Amino acid sequence: MSKSQYETFEAHEPYQSYAPYGPYRSYESYEPFPSYGPEASVHTAETQPHGLYEDTYRPAYEAQAYFVTEPALPRQAGRPGAPSVPGARSAPDAGSALDAGGALHGERAFGAGGPAGVSGRAARRRRARCAERPESAVRRLLPQALVVAFLAGGTTAFVAKDKAIELTVDGKPRTLHTFADDVSELLTEEGVSTGAHDMIAPAPGAALTSGDAVAVRYGRPVRLTLDGRQREVWTTAHTVAGALNELGVRAEGAYLSVSRSQRIGRAGLALDVRTERDVTIMADGRSRSIRTNAATVREALAEAGVGLHGEDTTSVPPDSFPRDGQTVTVLRVSGSREVREEQIPFDVQRTDDPTLFKGTEVVAQAGEPGLRRDTYLLRIVNGVREKPRRENSQVVRKPRKQIVKVGTKPLPQSVSGADDLNWRGLATCESGGRPDAVDPSGTFGGLYQFDTGTWHSLGGSGRPQDAPAEEQTFRAKKLYTRRGATPWPSCGARLHG
């Protein structure tokens, strides 16, 4: 077939890399599209939708055939007698079935005068372009697809980290979205500060998942006086009734200083609770058992109908707190008071006196006992007389101490002219040998019955009967040297006997 009118077309063949009926290769091995200018690039050219791509470098007579889109046909067998090229696709048979318009499936039939060789090459080029375009489109769309996939994966991770949590703070619930991993992070994000006495459920380190519920209940201080004993406690309850239940306090029949419905603020409150107790009262020979929440034993007695009169009292202080199971005995008291006076003994003070002979003691100041007036309570309790009990004591007169001088002067060894006399015989005759002897009149005293004047004239002090026996003998010897035996008219003869 002549090619005269198709020389120009063959000289500008844009698909030189595709040999007619050449072996099929993957798109990676194909050469890129030829460049049609400095700005052309297979990486920057706009991707056309499949089936609508317009090849600008194509003879005009092929344009109509290219834009006819037909369904793909099964592969056909080669024509009889045609040369076999390894790896080549089978050329369409001229005797292949035509469609209703007289065209081959997959190709547009040329009109009269159209060369069959040119038609075959154009068809092959169109098939090559159709086979190339999807791979090129994939290459071009791959980076965009990766970006979209990355964004989609990040969005999925973003959505997966978001959690819907119900947070209840001190009884006020609200639902929120958070990216916190655990309860501590959630509370920090929400600005919820907690203390050692606050309750957090779940625990602060517990992990969070969407749909979880977190509750925070603030602690409230309560100064609780329970049955007379005061202590400081903490509670997360909002009302007094809730606090009593939380603390395990039995409230049935109890006395409360505030209402059970009283709300407890964050600052806390003071609460006095007196629970019911069993108390037994013994009075006037009878026993009474009552249940009471009284604050004192006196109040419990009043509830039992027992009164105290005069000096009546109880076995425990009337103002003490009645304990559960306690027995209180009422004591009926009657009696009188008695005043008694008692002496207060005086003290004795001794001082040394170098002017007195050893063994001599002289009372410089006589002692005087004091006087104390005591008041005794004589009671009869439940008919039994008790031992008198001193109720009051008053000093009427203070005692005066006694001062005694004690001699420290050494005694003389002898008195010239009197040492050899029988002084023992004289003393036995005068006083029976007793140094403290005093005659019935009280005038004379001592071993030798000195009167006070004579005793002082001989250098003695005090009374002679208070001086030691040695000093009395010494004074008697001095008296003998002065007056002889005349001071002892009845017994003086014993000195020489």
Protein backbone atom coordinates (compact mmCIF):
# COMPACT_ATOMS: atom_id res chain seq x y z
CA MET A 1 0.00 0.00 0.00
CA SER A 2 1.40 3.44 -0.89
CA LYS A 3 2.66 5.72 1.92
CA SER A 4 2.96 8.91 -0.06
CA GLN A 5 0.40 10.79 1.85
CA TYR A 6 1.56 9.58 5.25
CA GLU A 7 5.24 10.43 5.13
CA THR A 8 4.89 13.41 7.42
CA PHE A 9 2.98 11.37 9.96
CA GLU A 10 5.69 8.73 10.13
CA ALA A 11 8.43 11.29 10.46
CA HIS A 12 6.77 12.67 13.61
CA GLU A 13 5.96 9.37 15.21
CA PRO A 14 5.61 10.23 18.98
CA TYR A 15 5.71 6.69 20.21
CA GLN A 16 8.98 5.45 18.78
CA SER A 17 9.64 3.24 21.78
CA TYR A 18 6.74 0.96 20.93
CA ALA A 19 7.67 -1.48 18.16
CA PRO A 20 4.74 -2.89 16.23
CA TYR A 21 3.68 -5.98 17.93
CA GLY A 22 6.59 -5.60 20.31
CA PRO A 23 6.73 -7.39 23.71
CA TYR A 24 4.50 -6.05 26.49
CA ARG A 25 6.36 -4.27 29.33
CA SER A 26 5.29 -2.81 32.67
CA TYR A 27 4.89 0.90 32.95
CA GLU A 28 8.15 1.30 34.89
CA SER A 29 10.13 0.28 31.78
CA TYR A 30 8.40 2.68 29.43
CA GLU A 31 10.16 5.81 28.34
CA PRO A 32 8.57 9.03 29.53
CA PHE A 33 6.53 11.08 27.18
CA PRO A 34 8.70 13.08 24.82
CA SER A 35 9.12 16.70 25.81
CA TYR A 36 7.38 19.20 23.61
CA GLY A 37 9.01 22.22 25.02
CA PRO A 38 11.07 23.50 27.93
CA GLU A 39 8.09 23.69 30.26
CA ALA A 40 6.65 20.26 29.47
CA SER A 41 7.01 17.50 32.08
CA VAL A 42 5.19 14.28 32.79
CA HIS A 43 5.30 15.20 36.48
CA THR A 44 3.76 18.62 36.09
CA ALA A 45 1.30 18.07 33.31
CA GLU A 46 -2.31 18.05 34.35
CA THR A 47 -3.77 14.59 34.62
CA GLN A 48 -6.79 14.12 32.40
CA PRO A 49 -9.68 11.88 33.31
CA HIS A 50 -9.46 8.43 31.87
CA GLY A 51 -11.23 8.28 28.53
CA LEU A 52 -11.21 12.08 28.02
CA TYR A 53 -7.51 12.62 27.35
CA GLU A 54 -6.94 14.53 24.14
CA ASP A 55 -3.73 13.84 22.31
CA THR A 56 -2.76 17.09 20.62
CA TYR A 57 -0.04 15.42 18.59
CA ARG A 58 -2.29 13.20 16.48
CA PRO A 59 -3.46 13.49 12.86
CA ALA A 60 -6.87 14.90 12.52
CA TYR A 61 -8.26 11.79 10.96
CA GLU A 62 -7.52 9.85 14.15
CA ALA A 63 -9.34 12.20 16.49
CA GLN A 64 -12.76 10.81 15.79
CA ALA A 65 -11.63 7.24 16.14
CA TYR A 66 -9.95 7.94 19.53
CA PHE A 67 -12.88 9.54 21.21
CA VAL A 68 -15.13 6.55 20.52
CA THR A 69 -15.02 4.53 23.71
CA GLU A 70 -15.95 0.90 23.48
CA PRO A 71 -16.00 -1.92 25.97
CA ALA A 72 -12.86 -4.00 26.11
CA LEU A 73 -13.00 -7.21 24.06
CA PRO A 74 -11.52 -10.59 24.75
CA ARG A 75 -8.15 -11.21 23.14
CA GLN A 76 -8.46 -12.54 19.66
CA ALA A 77 -6.42 -15.15 17.76
CA GLY A 78 -4.05 -14.05 14.95
CA ARG A 79 -4.95 -14.11 11.28
CA PRO A 80 -4.10 -17.25 9.26
CA GLY A 81 -0.73 -16.91 7.55
CA ALA A 82 0.34 -13.80 9.47
CA PRO A 83 3.89 -13.78 10.77
CA SER A 84 4.28 -14.73 14.39
CA VAL A 85 6.22 -12.26 16.52
CA PRO A 86 7.10 -13.52 19.98
CA GLY A 87 5.44 -11.47 22.66
CA ALA A 88 3.34 -9.50 20.19
CA ARG A 89 -0.35 -9.06 20.57
CA SER A 90 -2.59 -10.52 17.90
CA ALA A 91 -3.59 -8.04 15.19
CA PRO A 92 -7.28 -7.69 14.54
CA ASP A 93 -8.56 -9.86 11.76
CA ALA A 94 -10.06 -8.11 8.76
CA GLY A 95 -12.73 -10.67 8.94
CA SER A 96 -13.55 -9.95 12.56
CA ALA A 97 -17.08 -9.31 13.49
CA LEU A 98 -18.30 -5.76 12.91
CA ASP A 99 -20.70 -3.90 15.01
CA ALA A 100 -23.93 -2.59 13.66
CA GLY A 101 -22.20 0.54 12.30
CA GLY A 102 -19.60 -1.48 10.44
CA ALA A 103 -16.72 -0.84 12.96
CA LEU A 104 -14.47 -3.31 14.70
CA HIS A 105 -14.79 -3.65 18.44
CA GLY A 106 -12.12 -1.43 19.98
CA GLU A 107 -11.31 0.39 16.67
CA ARG A 108 -13.10 2.82 14.42
CA ALA A 109 -13.32 1.60 10.77
CA PHE A 110 -11.85 3.96 8.20
CA GLY A 111 -13.81 5.18 5.23
CA ALA A 112 -13.14 4.30 1.62
CA GLY A 113 -9.63 5.00 0.54
CA GLY A 114 -8.18 4.85 4.10
CA PRO A 115 -5.04 2.74 4.21
CA ALA A 116 -5.28 -0.32 6.38
CA GLY A 117 -1.61 -0.10 7.51
CA VAL A 118 -2.03 3.38 8.90
CA SER A 119 -5.23 2.32 10.60
CA GLY A 120 -3.45 -0.54 12.36
CA ARG A 121 -0.59 1.64 13.59
CA ALA A 122 -2.97 4.27 14.93
CA ALA A 123 -4.97 1.64 16.72
CA ARG A 124 -1.86 0.25 18.29
CA ARG A 125 -0.76 3.72 19.41
CA ARG A 126 -4.14 4.34 20.97
CA ARG A 127 -3.98 1.04 22.79
CA ALA A 128 -0.48 1.85 24.06
CA ARG A 129 -1.63 5.26 25.31
CA CYS A 130 -4.67 3.71 26.98
CA ALA A 131 -2.43 1.14 28.63
CA GLU A 132 0.03 3.83 29.77
CA ARG A 133 -2.35 6.39 31.15
CA PRO A 134 -3.56 4.44 34.27
CA GLU A 135 0.01 3.72 35.43
CA SER A 136 1.03 7.34 34.90
CA ALA A 137 -2.05 8.48 36.73
CA VAL A 138 -1.16 6.18 39.62
CA ARG A 139 2.35 7.63 39.72
CA ARG A 140 1.00 11.12 39.77
CA LEU A 141 -1.72 10.41 42.37
CA LEU A 142 0.47 8.35 44.71
CA PRO A 143 1.95 11.31 46.70
CA GLN A 144 -1.49 12.84 47.08
CA ALA A 145 -2.89 9.51 48.19
CA LEU A 146 -0.14 9.19 50.81
CA VAL A 147 -0.88 12.66 52.14
CA VAL A 148 -4.58 11.89 52.30
CA ALA A 149 -3.86 8.58 54.01
CA PHE A 150 -1.58 10.33 56.53
CA LEU A 151 -4.20 12.94 57.25
CA ALA A 152 -6.87 10.28 57.54
CA GLY A 153 -4.70 8.25 59.91
CA GLY A 154 -3.90 11.36 61.99
CA THR A 155 -7.57 12.24 62.15
CA THR A 156 -8.35 8.68 63.24
CA ALA A 157 -5.69 8.89 65.96
CA PHE A 158 -6.95 12.34 66.93
CA VAL A 159 -10.50 11.02 67.23
CA ALA A 160 -9.29 7.92 69.10
CA LYS A 161 -7.52 10.08 71.74
CA ASP A 162 -10.62 12.17 72.38
CA LYS A 163 -12.70 10.82 75.27
CA ALA A 164 -16.17 11.70 76.51
CA ILE A 165 -16.02 11.80 80.33
CA GLU A 166 -18.68 12.57 82.91
CA LEU A 167 -17.03 14.63 85.68
CA THR A 168 -18.94 15.19 88.93
CA VAL A 169 -17.36 17.72 91.31
CA ASP A 170 -19.00 17.93 94.71
CA GLY A 171 -22.34 16.67 93.40
CA LYS A 172 -22.42 18.81 90.21
CA PRO A 173 -22.10 16.61 87.08
CA ARG A 174 -21.05 17.68 83.60
CA THR A 175 -19.97 15.88 80.46
CA LEU A 176 -16.77 16.96 78.71
CA HIS A 177 -14.28 15.85 76.07
CA THR A 178 -10.64 15.41 77.00
CA PHE A 179 -7.35 13.99 75.73
CA ALA A 180 -6.15 13.20 79.29
CA ASP A 181 -4.77 9.71 79.80
CA ASP A 182 -5.64 9.35 83.47
CA VAL A 183 -7.71 10.92 86.24
CA SER A 184 -4.88 13.16 87.50
CA GLU A 185 -4.39 14.74 84.06
CA LEU A 186 -8.14 15.29 83.73
CA LEU A 187 -8.38 17.08 87.08
CA THR A 188 -5.34 19.21 86.23
CA GLU A 189 -6.84 20.18 82.87
CA GLU A 190 -10.12 21.15 84.52
CA GLY A 191 -8.42 23.09 87.32
CA VAL A 192 -9.86 20.86 90.05
CA SER A 193 -7.52 21.00 93.05
CA THR A 194 -7.85 18.32 95.73
CA GLY A 195 -6.49 17.74 99.22
CA ALA A 196 -5.61 14.82 101.43
CA HIS A 197 -9.16 14.50 102.79
CA ASP A 198 -10.95 14.70 99.42
CA MET A 199 -12.36 11.57 97.76
CA ILE A 200 -11.52 10.85 94.09
CA ALA A 201 -13.07 7.91 92.28
CA PRO A 202 -11.49 6.25 90.38
CA ALA A 203 -8.06 6.74 91.95
CA PRO A 204 -5.95 9.62 90.55
CA GLY A 205 -3.66 7.27 88.61
CA ALA A 206 -6.47 5.28 86.98
CA ALA A 207 -6.49 5.27 83.15
CA LEU A 208 -9.39 6.88 81.33
CA THR A 209 -11.47 5.54 78.48
CA SER A 210 -14.37 7.16 76.69
CA GLY A 211 -17.59 6.84 78.65
CA ASP A 212 -15.92 6.75 82.09
CA ALA A 213 -17.34 8.68 85.05
CA VAL A 214 -15.05 10.54 87.49
CA ALA A 215 -16.33 11.86 90.83
CA VAL A 216 -14.64 14.31 93.22
CA ARG A 217 -16.08 14.90 96.68
CA TYR A 218 -14.43 17.56 98.84
CA GLY A 219 -13.64 16.83 102.48
CA ARG A 220 -15.28 18.98 105.15
CA PRO A 221 -13.95 19.39 108.72
CA VAL A 222 -16.35 18.61 111.55
CA ARG A 223 -15.64 19.35 115.23
CA LEU A 224 -17.60 16.41 116.61
CA THR A 225 -18.46 16.10 120.29
CA LEU A 226 -19.80 12.57 120.60
CA ASP A 227 -21.13 11.60 124.02
CA GLY A 228 -18.95 14.14 125.77
CA ARG A 229 -15.72 13.36 123.88
CA GLN A 230 -14.54 15.95 121.37
CA ARG A 231 -12.51 15.16 118.25
CA GLU A 232 -11.81 16.56 114.79
CA VAL A 233 -13.07 14.45 111.86
CA TRP A 234 -13.40 14.87 108.09
CA THR A 235 -16.36 13.92 105.93
CA THR A 236 -17.28 14.16 102.25
CA ALA A 237 -21.00 14.22 102.99
CA HIS A 238 -23.00 17.34 102.18
CA THR A 239 -25.46 17.10 105.10
CA VAL A 240 -25.34 16.28 108.81
CA ALA A 241 -27.35 13.09 108.20
CA GLY A 242 -24.87 11.96 105.55
CA ALA A 243 -21.92 12.74 107.81
CA LEU A 244 -23.40 10.72 110.68
CA ASN A 245 -23.99 7.80 108.35
CA GLU A 246 -20.47 8.09 106.92
CA LEU A 247 -18.92 8.23 110.41
CA GLY A 248 -21.01 5.32 111.66
CA VAL A 249 -22.72 7.31 114.41
CA ARG A 250 -26.02 5.86 115.60
CA ALA A 251 -28.47 8.73 115.21
CA GLU A 252 -31.71 7.03 116.30
CA GLY A 253 -32.98 8.77 119.42
CA ALA A 254 -29.83 10.89 119.63
CA TYR A 255 -29.65 14.56 120.50
CA LEU A 256 -28.17 16.72 117.73
CA SER A 257 -27.11 20.32 118.19
CA VAL A 258 -28.16 21.07 114.58
CA SER A 259 -30.79 19.66 112.22
CA ARG A 260 -30.07 16.44 110.33
CA SER A 261 -30.83 18.26 107.07
CA GLN A 262 -28.31 21.01 107.83
CA ARG A 263 -25.87 21.33 104.91
CA ILE A 264 -22.16 21.21 105.64
CA GLY A 265 -20.16 23.87 103.82
CA ARG A 266 -16.54 23.62 102.78
CA ALA A 267 -15.62 25.46 106.01
CA GLY A 268 -17.20 22.66 108.11
CA LEU A 269 -19.22 23.00 111.30
CA ALA A 270 -19.34 22.06 115.01
CA LEU A 271 -21.65 19.18 115.87
CA ASP A 272 -22.68 17.92 119.32
CA VAL A 273 -24.19 14.41 119.35
CA ARG A 274 -25.49 12.57 122.41
CA THR A 275 -26.64 9.06 121.64
CA GLU A 276 -29.20 7.16 123.69
CA ARG A 277 -27.73 5.21 126.61
CA ASP A 278 -29.03 2.75 129.20
CA VAL A 279 -28.61 4.14 132.74
CA THR A 280 -29.71 2.51 136.02
CA ILE A 281 -30.56 4.74 138.99
CA MET A 282 -30.65 3.40 142.57
CA ALA A 283 -32.57 5.72 144.92
CA ASP A 284 -34.60 5.27 148.10
CA GLY A 285 -34.38 1.49 147.93
CA ARG A 286 -35.64 1.30 144.32
CA SER A 287 -33.97 0.64 140.98
CA ARG A 288 -34.95 2.56 137.82
CA SER A 289 -33.60 1.83 134.30
CA ILE A 290 -34.02 4.50 131.64
CA ARG A 291 -32.80 5.25 128.11
CA THR A 292 -31.58 8.80 127.90
CA ASN A 293 -29.51 11.20 125.82
CA ALA A 294 -29.04 13.54 128.80
CA ALA A 295 -25.86 15.59 129.05
CA THR A 296 -25.41 15.18 132.84
CA VAL A 297 -26.28 12.73 135.60
CA ARG A 298 -28.46 15.41 137.16
CA GLU A 299 -30.55 15.60 133.94
CA ALA A 300 -30.86 11.81 133.88
CA LEU A 301 -32.14 11.84 137.48
CA ALA A 302 -34.73 14.43 136.54
CA GLU A 303 -35.89 12.27 133.62
CA ALA A 304 -36.25 9.33 136.06
CA GLY A 305 -38.25 11.47 138.51
CA VAL A 306 -35.58 11.41 141.22
CA GLY A 307 -34.68 14.69 142.95
CA LEU A 308 -31.78 15.79 145.14
CA HIS A 309 -32.49 17.77 148.32
CA GLY A 310 -30.27 19.41 150.91
CA GLU A 311 -26.96 17.62 151.09
CA ASP A 312 -28.08 14.70 148.94
CA THR A 313 -25.55 13.63 146.31
CA THR A 314 -24.78 10.76 143.94
CA SER A 315 -22.13 8.06 143.68
CA VAL A 316 -20.67 9.92 140.69
CA PRO A 317 -20.47 13.72 140.30
CA PRO A 318 -23.95 15.04 139.40
CA ASP A 319 -22.50 17.15 136.56
CA SER A 320 -20.59 14.26 134.95
CA PHE A 321 -21.64 12.63 131.67
CA PRO A 322 -23.75 9.48 132.09
CA ARG A 323 -22.19 6.51 130.27
CA ASP A 324 -23.99 3.61 128.64
CA GLY A 325 -24.65 0.84 131.18
CA GLN A 326 -23.73 3.04 134.14
CA THR A 327 -25.37 2.63 137.59
CA VAL A 328 -25.89 5.82 139.59
CA THR A 329 -26.67 5.58 143.31
CA VAL A 330 -28.42 8.47 145.05
CA LEU A 331 -27.06 9.17 148.55
CA ARG A 332 -29.52 10.67 151.05
CA VAL A 333 -27.40 12.67 153.49
CA SER A 334 -28.31 14.09 156.89
CA GLY A 335 -26.17 15.20 159.86
CA SER A 336 -24.59 18.09 161.72
CA ARG A 337 -21.30 19.92 162.25
CA GLU A 338 -19.11 19.95 165.36
CA VAL A 339 -16.37 22.46 166.33
CA ARG A 340 -13.33 21.20 168.23
CA GLU A 341 -10.26 23.10 169.57
CA GLU A 342 -6.87 21.43 169.48
CA GLN A 343 -3.41 22.56 170.67
CA ILE A 344 -0.61 23.11 168.21
CA PRO A 345 2.73 21.94 169.71
CA PHE A 346 5.63 24.41 169.81
CA ASP A 347 9.12 23.87 168.42
CA VAL A 348 12.35 23.85 170.54
CA GLN A 349 15.39 25.75 169.37
CA ARG A 350 18.80 24.96 171.01
CA THR A 351 21.78 27.31 170.86
CA ASP A 352 25.34 26.93 172.20
CA ASP A 353 26.43 29.14 175.11
CA PRO A 354 30.19 29.25 175.97
CA THR A 355 29.46 30.81 179.36
CA LEU A 356 27.78 27.69 180.62
CA PHE A 357 29.54 24.51 181.64
CA LYS A 358 29.18 21.54 179.43
CA GLY A 359 26.03 19.59 180.16
CA THR A 360 24.20 22.70 181.34
CA GLU A 361 21.05 23.73 179.44
CA VAL A 362 19.17 26.91 180.24
CA VAL A 363 15.70 27.75 178.82
CA ALA A 364 16.09 31.28 177.53
CA GLN A 365 12.46 31.42 176.17
CA ALA A 366 9.73 29.15 177.29
CA GLY A 367 7.64 27.62 174.52
CA GLU A 368 3.89 28.15 174.23
CA PRO A 369 1.54 25.87 172.27
CA GLY A 370 -0.80 27.33 169.70
CA LEU A 371 -4.55 26.79 169.31
CA ARG A 372 -6.46 25.45 166.27
CA ARG A 373 -10.22 25.35 165.84
CA ASP A 374 -11.48 22.51 163.57
CA THR A 375 -14.99 21.97 162.20
CA TYR A 376 -16.05 18.35 161.68
CA LEU A 377 -18.93 17.10 159.57
CA LEU A 378 -20.97 14.37 161.19
CA ARG A 379 -22.97 12.66 158.40
CA ILE A 380 -25.53 9.95 158.22
CA VAL A 381 -25.70 8.50 154.68
CA ASN A 382 -28.67 6.31 153.85
CA GLY A 383 -29.13 5.72 157.61
CA VAL A 384 -25.47 4.84 158.35
CA ARG A 385 -23.32 7.17 160.53
CA GLU A 386 -19.97 7.91 158.95
CA LYS A 387 -16.66 8.70 160.63
CA PRO A 388 -16.40 12.43 161.42
CA ARG A 389 -14.71 14.26 158.59
CA ARG A 390 -12.82 17.48 159.20
CA GLU A 391 -14.43 20.05 156.96
CA ASN A 392 -12.65 23.23 158.05
CA SER A 393 -9.62 24.22 160.12
CA GLN A 394 -8.71 27.63 161.56
CA VAL A 395 -5.60 28.64 163.58
CA VAL A 396 -6.71 30.76 166.53
CA ARG A 397 -3.23 31.24 168.07
CA LYS A 398 0.15 30.44 166.62
CA PRO A 399 2.61 28.47 168.80
CA ARG A 400 5.74 30.17 170.29
CA LYS A 401 8.96 28.25 170.05
CA GLN A 402 11.15 27.49 173.08
CA ILE A 403 14.77 28.63 173.04
CA VAL A 404 17.33 26.60 175.09
CA LYS A 405 20.94 27.58 175.70
CA VAL A 406 23.42 24.71 175.84
CA GLY A 407 26.69 25.18 177.76
CA THR A 408 30.00 24.50 176.07
CA LYS A 409 32.41 25.63 178.87
CA PRO A 410 34.61 22.82 180.25
CA LEU A 411 33.90 21.74 183.86
CA PRO A 412 36.56 22.46 186.57
CA GLN A 413 38.47 19.47 187.74
CA SER A 414 38.40 20.24 191.51
CA VAL A 415 37.77 22.79 194.28
CA SER A 416 40.52 23.06 196.84
CA GLY A 417 39.46 21.92 200.34
CA ALA A 418 36.24 20.26 199.21
CA ASP A 419 37.18 17.48 196.82
CA ASP A 420 37.62 14.80 199.52
CA LEU A 421 34.21 15.20 201.14
CA ASN A 422 31.33 12.73 200.78
CA TRP A 423 29.18 14.63 198.27
CA ARG A 424 27.33 11.50 197.19
CA GLY A 425 26.15 10.96 200.80
CA LEU A 426 24.97 14.60 201.03
CA ALA A 427 23.04 14.37 197.72
CA THR A 428 21.37 11.14 198.84
CA CYS A 429 20.24 12.77 202.02
CA GLU A 430 19.00 16.01 200.43
CA SER A 431 17.29 14.79 197.23
CA GLY A 432 17.56 11.04 197.14
CA GLY A 433 20.33 11.41 194.54
CA ARG A 434 18.04 12.95 191.88
CA PRO A 435 19.47 15.99 189.96
CA ASP A 436 15.97 17.27 189.01
CA ALA A 437 14.39 16.91 192.46
CA VAL A 438 12.25 19.82 193.74
CA ASP A 439 10.88 20.21 197.27
CA PRO A 440 7.07 20.37 197.79
CA SER A 441 7.14 24.15 198.15
CA GLY A 442 8.97 24.60 194.85
CA THR A 443 11.64 26.73 196.48
CA PHE A 444 14.59 24.35 196.48
CA GLY A 445 15.78 22.08 193.70
CA GLY A 446 18.57 19.87 192.48
CA LEU A 447 20.87 17.33 194.13
CA TYR A 448 21.72 19.65 196.95
CA GLN A 449 18.43 21.57 197.13
CA PHE A 450 19.68 25.02 196.13
CA ASP A 451 17.36 27.98 196.23
CA THR A 452 17.43 30.13 193.12
CA GLY A 453 19.21 33.08 194.74
CA THR A 454 22.04 30.97 196.13
CA TRP A 455 22.42 29.16 192.78
CA HIS A 456 22.82 32.42 190.88
CA SER A 457 25.32 33.76 193.46
CA LEU A 458 27.52 30.76 192.77
CA GLY A 459 27.54 31.53 189.02
CA GLY A 460 24.72 29.25 187.95
CA SER A 461 21.98 30.23 185.49
CA GLY A 462 18.41 29.21 185.23
CA ARG A 463 17.15 26.75 187.78
CA PRO A 464 19.52 24.42 189.65
CA GLN A 465 17.42 21.36 188.93
CA ASP A 466 17.91 21.97 185.18
CA ALA A 467 21.72 21.94 185.42
CA PRO A 468 23.79 18.77 185.00
CA ALA A 469 24.73 16.80 188.13
CA GLU A 470 28.43 17.65 187.69
CA GLU A 471 27.69 21.40 187.67
CA GLN A 472 25.48 21.07 190.75
CA THR A 473 28.28 19.27 192.63
CA PHE A 474 30.77 21.93 191.49
CA ARG A 475 28.48 24.73 192.78
CA ALA A 476 27.96 22.87 196.08
CA LYS A 477 31.73 22.61 196.60
CA LYS A 478 32.09 26.37 196.05
CA LEU A 479 29.30 26.98 198.57
CA TYR A 480 31.08 24.73 201.14
CA THR A 481 34.30 26.74 200.80
CA ARG A 482 32.33 29.87 201.60
CA ARG A 483 29.96 28.76 204.38
CA GLY A 484 30.93 25.23 205.36
CA ALA A 485 28.14 22.70 206.04
CA THR A 486 25.68 25.23 207.44
CA PRO A 487 23.58 25.45 204.19
CA TRP A 488 22.56 21.83 204.89
CA PRO A 489 21.65 21.81 208.57
CA SER A 490 20.06 18.40 208.56
CA CYS A 491 22.34 16.52 206.19
CA GLY A 492 25.59 18.49 206.39
CA ALA A 493 27.14 15.90 208.78
CA ARG A 494 27.12 13.35 205.93
CA LEU A 495 29.98 15.21 204.28
CA HIS A 496 32.39 13.80 206.87
CA GLY A 497 30.72 10.49 207.46
